Amino acid sequence: MKNTVFIKASEIAEELQISQPLAYRMIREWNEQLRAKGYTTIQGRVSRQYFEEQIYGLADRKEG
């Protein structure tokens, strides 16, 4: 479901063609980073926007 705010490990594993355990480790790391910034997190899920920023570098793109 591309319209959801959060992305689950199963979706990450499928999109990146990695194992689910690796996807869960990535989510844990990202959620730790988000908690350190003061955000509330949900175990086993991560913000779809944050996922896209971390994987595809969307935050680095500048509109021209």
C-alpha atoms as a PDB file:
ATOM      1  CA  MET A   1       0.000   0.000   0.000  1.00  0.00           C
ATOM      2  CA  LYS A   2       1.843   3.029  -1.226  1.00  0.00           C
ATOM      3  CA  ASN A   3      -0.666   5.447   0.330  1.00  0.00           C
ATOM      4  CA  THR A   4       0.098   4.559   3.953  1.00  0.00           C
ATOM      5  CA  VAL A   5       2.172   6.742   6.260  1.00  0.00           C
ATOM      6  CA  PHE A   6       4.217   3.810   7.563  1.00  0.00           C
ATOM      7  CA  ILE A   7       5.999   1.018   5.743  1.00  0.00           C
ATOM      8  CA  LYS A   8       6.368  -2.481   7.226  1.00  0.00           C
ATOM      9  CA  ALA A   9       9.367  -4.799   7.124  1.00  0.00           C
ATOM     10  CA  SER A  10       7.649  -7.119   4.638  1.00  0.00           C
ATOM     11  CA  GLU A  11       7.193  -4.228   2.191  1.00  0.00           C
ATOM     12  CA  ILE A  12      10.800  -3.090   2.643  1.00  0.00           C
ATOM     13  CA  ALA A  13      12.067  -6.635   2.111  1.00  0.00           C
ATOM     14  CA  GLU A  14      10.056  -6.956  -1.085  1.00  0.00           C
ATOM     15  CA  GLU A  15      10.997  -3.536  -2.468  1.00  0.00           C
ATOM     16  CA  LEU A  16      14.721  -3.926  -1.760  1.00  0.00           C
ATOM     17  CA  GLN A  17      14.819  -7.694  -2.388  1.00  0.00           C
ATOM     18  CA  ILE A  18      16.344  -8.399   1.014  1.00  0.00           C
ATOM     19  CA  SER A  19      15.422 -10.744   3.859  1.00  0.00           C
ATOM     20  CA  GLN A  20      12.794  -9.750   6.396  1.00  0.00           C
ATOM     21  CA  PRO A  21      15.265 -10.027   9.305  1.00  0.00           C
ATOM     22  CA  LEU A  22      17.499  -7.479   7.562  1.00  0.00           C
ATOM     23  CA  ALA A  23      14.500  -5.219   6.946  1.00  0.00           C
ATOM     24  CA  TYR A  24      13.625  -5.403  10.667  1.00  0.00           C
ATOM     25  CA  ARG A  25      17.224  -4.488  11.597  1.00  0.00           C
ATOM     26  CA  MET A  26      17.052  -1.484   9.276  1.00  0.00           C
ATOM     27  CA  ILE A  27      13.737  -0.391  10.816  1.00  0.00           C
ATOM     28  CA  ARG A  28      15.183  -0.692  14.333  1.00  0.00           C
ATOM     29  CA  GLU A  29      18.163   1.470  13.357  1.00  0.00           C
ATOM     30  CA  TRP A  30      15.989   4.116  11.679  1.00  0.00           C
ATOM     31  CA  ASN A  31      13.564   4.177  14.608  1.00  0.00           C
ATOM     32  CA  GLU A  32      16.500   4.722  16.994  1.00  0.00           C
ATOM     33  CA  GLN A  33      17.590   7.674  14.847  1.00  0.00           C
ATOM     34  CA  LEU A  34      14.057   9.087  14.837  1.00  0.00           C
ATOM     35  CA  ARG A  35      13.671   8.660  18.628  1.00  0.00           C
ATOM     36  CA  ALA A  36      16.969  10.505  19.121  1.00  0.00           C
ATOM     37  CA  LYS A  37      15.429  13.395  17.161  1.00  0.00           C
ATOM     38  CA  GLY A  38      12.391  13.360  19.449  1.00  0.00           C
ATOM     39  CA  TYR A  39       9.917  11.555  17.183  1.00  0.00           C
ATOM     40  CA  THR A  40       7.499   8.872  18.306  1.00  0.00           C
ATOM     41  CA  THR A  41       8.049   5.540  16.560  1.00  0.00           C
ATOM     42  CA  ILE A  42       6.123   2.313  16.063  1.00  0.00           C
ATOM     43  CA  GLN A  43       7.911  -1.000  16.471  1.00  0.00           C
ATOM     44  CA  GLY A  44       8.183  -2.918  13.196  1.00  0.00           C
ATOM     45  CA  ARG A  45       7.267   0.098  11.067  1.00  0.00           C
ATOM     46  CA  VAL A  46       8.972   3.250   9.921  1.00  0.00           C
ATOM     47  CA  SER A  47       7.747   6.411   8.264  1.00  0.00           C
ATOM     48  CA  ARG A  48       7.531   5.835   4.510  1.00  0.00           C
ATOM     49  CA  GLN A  49       9.008   9.310   3.975  1.00  0.00           C
ATOM     50  CA  TYR A  50      12.015   8.532   6.202  1.00  0.00           C
ATOM     51  CA  PHE A  51      12.510   5.185   4.439  1.00  0.00           C
ATOM     52  CA  GLU A  52      12.567   6.918   1.053  1.00  0.00           C
ATOM     53  CA  GLU A  53      14.967   9.576   2.323  1.00  0.00           C
ATOM     54  CA  GLN A  54      17.347   6.938   3.704  1.00  0.00           C
ATOM     55  CA  ILE A  55      17.233   4.629   0.683  1.00  0.00           C
ATOM     56  CA  TYR A  56      16.742   6.951  -2.254  1.00  0.00           C
ATOM     57  CA  GLY A  57      18.117  10.197  -0.827  1.00  0.00           C
ATOM     58  CA  LEU A  58      14.950  12.114  -1.599  1.00  0.00           C
ATOM     59  CA  ALA A  59      15.740  14.748   1.023  1.00  0.00           C
ATOM     60  CA  ASP A  60      18.869  15.659  -0.958  1.00  0.00           C
ATOM     61  CA  ARG A  61      16.955  16.463  -4.151  1.00  0.00           C
ATOM     62  CA  LYS A  62      16.513  20.126  -4.943  1.00  0.00           C
ATOM     63  CA  GLU A  63      13.676  21.368  -7.080  1.00  0.00           C
ATOM     64  CA  GLY A  64      14.914  23.491  -9.927  1.00  0.00           C
END
